[in-house]
Amino acid sequence: MFNILDTLRAECEIPIWHDDQQGTACVTLAGLINALKVVGKNINEAKIVFIGAGAANVAISRLIFSYGATPELCTVVDSQGILNRKRSDLGAKQAEYVDKWKLCNKTNAEGRDGGIAEALVGADVCIALSHNGPDVIKKEWVSKMAKDSVVFACANPIPEMWPWDAAEAGVAVFANRPLRFSKPGKQQPGLPWHFPRNPGCTRQDNHG
């Protein structure tokens, strides 16, 4: 998907935009900006863990990094564990996993290994777009995050953890799909802000 999107952006003279990627990323960033205001933390100092390394979370990480988050402080976890430069399964297939390998090299400066549990230790923010829950993210793992933590559990239709488990684990700000878990809707609040602006912008203005 990213190969198609990036190729079109490079070659076309019109804005290229994908709802499930840029739409999701825009609304997630907006939520993160406000969540960090609530807990009194700066995005450039925040340790952010991205659970899931599919198209949506890769797009989210791109936008959050461009907004000011520090990639070296952040960690990405896919189905095989934490991304880092020692991931030979990705290093051997760099042409196939272009975006994952880029994340292996720009995130996780401390070289942390393991899975979700290890990634969340000391983290300020968790942004999860992975597998239907609950209990993909366990409350005992979340309890080891930093004080005043932020968790976005966005799997559809069932979030990676329940809101009440997050509250018991000490999470300060929790977000997921709407309360009707079977009703997708996370991109919709951002759509009115995308479309009036896109027709008048150039390819370069809309690239990111």
Protein backbone atom coordinates (compact mmCIF):
# COMPACT_ATOMS: atom_id res chain seq x y z
CA MET A 1 0.00 0.00 0.00
CA PHE A 2 2.75 2.47 0.88
CA ASN A 3 4.60 1.72 -2.36
CA ILE A 4 1.50 2.71 -4.31
CA LEU A 5 0.85 5.79 -2.21
CA ASP A 6 4.43 7.05 -2.27
CA THR A 7 4.82 6.40 -6.01
CA LEU A 8 1.65 8.33 -6.80
CA ARG A 9 2.75 11.20 -4.56
CA ALA A 10 6.09 11.38 -6.32
CA GLU A 11 4.70 11.28 -9.84
CA CYS A 12 1.33 13.03 -9.70
CA GLU A 13 0.71 16.77 -9.71
CA ILE A 14 -2.37 16.43 -7.51
CA PRO A 15 -2.64 15.70 -3.78
CA ILE A 16 -2.72 11.98 -2.96
CA TRP A 17 -4.45 11.05 0.27
CA HIS A 18 -5.54 7.74 1.81
CA ASP A 19 -8.31 7.68 4.38
CA ASP A 20 -7.11 4.68 6.39
CA GLN A 21 -3.59 6.11 6.55
CA GLN A 22 -3.59 9.91 6.56
CA GLY A 23 -7.17 10.09 7.86
CA THR A 24 -6.40 7.86 10.81
CA ALA A 25 -3.06 9.57 11.40
CA CYS A 26 -4.59 13.05 11.44
CA VAL A 27 -7.22 12.20 14.04
CA THR A 28 -4.74 10.22 16.14
CA LEU A 29 -2.28 13.13 16.21
CA ALA A 30 -5.07 15.52 17.19
CA GLY A 31 -6.00 13.23 20.07
CA LEU A 32 -2.37 12.88 21.13
CA ILE A 33 -1.81 16.65 21.15
CA ASN A 34 -4.76 17.12 23.47
CA ALA A 35 -3.93 14.10 25.64
CA LEU A 36 -0.40 15.42 26.23
CA LYS A 37 -1.86 18.80 27.19
CA VAL A 38 -4.04 17.05 29.77
CA VAL A 39 -1.09 15.23 31.36
CA GLY A 40 1.34 18.14 30.97
CA LYS A 41 3.95 16.45 28.79
CA ASN A 42 5.85 17.65 25.72
CA ILE A 43 5.68 15.58 22.55
CA ASN A 44 9.41 15.92 21.84
CA GLU A 45 10.17 14.33 25.23
CA ALA A 46 7.46 11.67 25.15
CA LYS A 47 8.35 8.00 24.94
CA ILE A 48 5.76 6.64 22.51
CA VAL A 49 5.16 2.95 21.85
CA PHE A 50 3.41 2.01 18.60
CA ILE A 51 1.76 -1.41 18.85
CA GLY A 52 1.29 -2.75 15.34
CA ALA A 53 3.38 -1.88 12.29
CA GLY A 54 0.81 -2.02 9.53
CA ALA A 55 -0.08 0.77 7.12
CA ALA A 56 -2.18 2.72 9.63
CA ASN A 57 0.38 2.83 12.43
CA VAL A 58 3.26 3.50 10.04
CA ALA A 59 1.31 6.50 8.73
CA ILE A 60 0.57 7.60 12.29
CA SER A 61 4.24 7.38 13.26
CA ARG A 62 5.26 9.40 10.18
CA LEU A 63 2.87 12.21 11.07
CA ILE A 64 3.70 12.19 14.78
CA PHE A 65 7.43 12.33 14.03
CA SER A 66 6.92 15.17 11.58
CA TYR A 67 4.97 17.04 14.25
CA GLY A 68 7.87 16.87 16.68
CA ALA A 69 8.08 13.53 18.45
CA THR A 70 11.63 12.19 18.81
CA PRO A 71 11.95 8.87 16.93
CA GLU A 72 14.91 7.73 19.04
CA LEU A 73 12.71 7.84 22.15
CA CYS A 74 9.96 5.83 20.50
CA THR A 75 9.45 2.10 20.01
CA VAL A 76 7.50 0.08 17.45
CA VAL A 77 6.25 -3.45 18.05
CA ASP A 78 5.06 -5.81 15.32
CA SER A 79 3.83 -9.40 15.57
CA GLN A 80 7.40 -10.65 16.05
CA GLY A 81 8.45 -8.16 18.73
CA ILE A 82 10.15 -4.81 19.11
CA LEU A 83 11.69 -3.32 15.97
CA ASN A 84 15.42 -2.74 16.23
CA ARG A 85 18.55 -3.02 14.11
CA LYS A 86 19.10 -6.61 15.25
CA ARG A 87 15.91 -7.83 13.57
CA SER A 88 17.53 -10.08 10.99
CA ASP A 89 14.13 -11.16 9.66
CA LEU A 90 13.55 -7.60 8.46
CA GLY A 91 17.15 -6.77 7.60
CA ALA A 92 17.29 -9.70 5.20
CA LYS A 93 14.18 -8.46 3.38
CA GLN A 94 14.72 -4.70 3.37
CA ALA A 95 13.24 -4.30 -0.10
CA GLU A 96 10.05 -6.04 1.01
CA TYR A 97 9.73 -4.36 4.40
CA VAL A 98 10.96 -0.89 3.50
CA ASP A 99 9.01 1.05 6.11
CA LYS A 100 9.59 -1.42 8.91
CA TRP A 101 13.32 -1.42 8.26
CA LYS A 102 13.37 2.38 8.30
CA LEU A 103 11.67 2.26 11.69
CA CYS A 104 14.20 -0.31 12.88
CA ASN A 105 16.94 2.21 12.18
CA LYS A 106 15.35 5.46 13.35
CA THR A 107 13.48 4.36 16.50
CA ASN A 108 14.45 2.55 19.71
CA ALA A 109 17.85 4.15 20.21
CA GLU A 110 18.42 2.12 23.37
CA GLY A 111 18.07 -1.12 21.40
CA ARG A 112 15.33 -2.61 23.54
CA ASP A 113 14.30 -6.21 22.79
CA GLY A 114 11.20 -8.21 23.64
CA GLY A 115 7.52 -7.72 23.01
CA ILE A 116 4.70 -5.45 24.09
CA ALA A 117 5.36 -5.92 27.80
CA GLU A 118 9.00 -4.89 27.51
CA ALA A 119 8.22 -1.99 25.17
CA LEU A 120 5.70 -0.42 27.57
CA VAL A 121 8.03 -0.19 30.56
CA GLY A 122 8.48 3.52 31.28
CA ALA A 123 6.53 4.64 28.20
CA ASP A 124 4.45 7.82 28.27
CA VAL A 125 2.16 6.90 25.38
CA CYS A 126 0.87 3.71 23.79
CA ILE A 127 -0.77 3.88 20.35
CA ALA A 128 -2.14 0.49 19.36
CA LEU A 129 -3.60 -0.53 16.00
CA SER A 130 -2.96 -4.24 16.03
CA HIS A 131 -5.28 -7.17 16.80
CA ASN A 132 -8.79 -7.39 18.19
CA GLY A 133 -8.79 -7.62 21.95
CA PRO A 134 -9.30 -7.65 24.74
CA ASP A 135 -6.07 -8.59 26.51
CA VAL A 136 -3.78 -7.98 23.55
CA ILE A 137 -2.43 -5.34 25.94
CA LYS A 138 -2.61 -6.50 29.54
CA LYS A 139 -3.22 -4.14 32.42
CA GLU A 140 -0.18 -5.42 34.31
CA TRP A 141 1.96 -4.29 31.38
CA VAL A 142 0.28 -0.89 31.23
CA SER A 143 0.77 -0.44 34.97
CA LYS A 144 4.53 -0.26 34.30
CA MET A 145 4.20 2.75 32.02
CA ALA A 146 5.26 6.19 33.21
CA LYS A 147 3.04 8.23 35.53
CA ASP A 148 0.10 9.95 33.79
CA SER A 149 0.25 7.58 30.84
CA VAL A 150 -1.80 7.83 27.65
CA VAL A 151 -3.21 4.78 25.85
CA PHE A 152 -5.00 4.73 22.49
CA ALA A 153 -6.36 1.22 21.84
CA CYS A 154 -7.81 1.41 18.34
CA ALA A 155 -8.30 -2.13 17.06
CA ASN A 156 -11.62 -2.66 15.28
CA PRO A 157 -14.12 -3.76 16.41
CA ILE A 158 -12.73 -4.71 19.84
CA PRO A 159 -9.94 -2.58 21.33
CA GLU A 160 -6.70 -4.15 22.53
CA MET A 161 -7.78 -3.55 26.12
CA TRP A 162 -10.93 -2.40 27.90
CA PRO A 163 -11.20 1.13 29.29
CA TRP A 164 -11.86 -0.13 32.80
CA ASP A 165 -8.70 -2.24 32.75
CA ALA A 166 -6.74 0.81 31.64
CA ALA A 167 -8.22 2.84 34.49
CA GLU A 168 -7.27 0.14 37.01
CA ALA A 169 -3.73 0.20 35.61
CA GLY A 170 -3.42 3.94 36.27
CA VAL A 171 -3.84 5.30 32.74
CA ALA A 172 -4.62 9.02 32.79
CA VAL A 173 -6.06 9.34 29.25
CA PHE A 174 -7.57 6.42 27.35
CA ALA A 175 -9.13 6.40 23.89
CA ASN A 176 -10.58 3.74 21.63
CA ARG A 177 -13.24 3.36 18.98
CA PRO A 178 -16.67 4.84 19.81
CA LEU A 179 -18.57 3.22 22.65
CA ARG A 180 -20.47 1.15 20.09
CA PHE A 181 -17.38 -0.88 19.42
CA SER A 182 -18.75 -2.34 16.18
CA LYS A 183 -19.19 1.13 14.64
CA PRO A 184 -15.98 2.40 13.04
CA GLY A 185 -15.62 6.15 13.23
CA LYS A 186 -12.20 7.37 14.19
CA GLN A 187 -11.43 9.11 10.88
CA GLN A 188 -14.77 10.85 10.41
CA PRO A 189 -14.20 13.87 12.69
CA GLY A 190 -11.18 14.82 10.59
CA LEU A 191 -12.75 14.53 7.16
CA PRO A 192 -14.34 18.00 7.00
CA TRP A 193 -10.87 19.47 7.63
CA HIS A 194 -9.15 17.46 4.89
CA PHE A 195 -11.35 17.89 1.87
CA PRO A 196 -11.85 21.69 1.78
CA ARG A 197 -8.08 22.13 1.95
CA ASN A 198 -6.84 19.41 -0.38
CA PRO A 199 -8.18 20.71 -3.73
CA GLY A 200 -6.19 23.93 -3.47
CA CYS A 201 -2.87 22.50 -2.33
CA THR A 202 0.00 21.25 -4.42
CA ARG A 203 1.64 17.86 -4.41
CA GLN A 204 4.49 19.24 -2.30
CA ASP A 205 2.11 20.86 0.21
CA ASN A 206 0.33 17.58 0.77
CA HIS A 207 3.36 15.30 0.95
CA GLY A 208 4.22 13.99 4.41
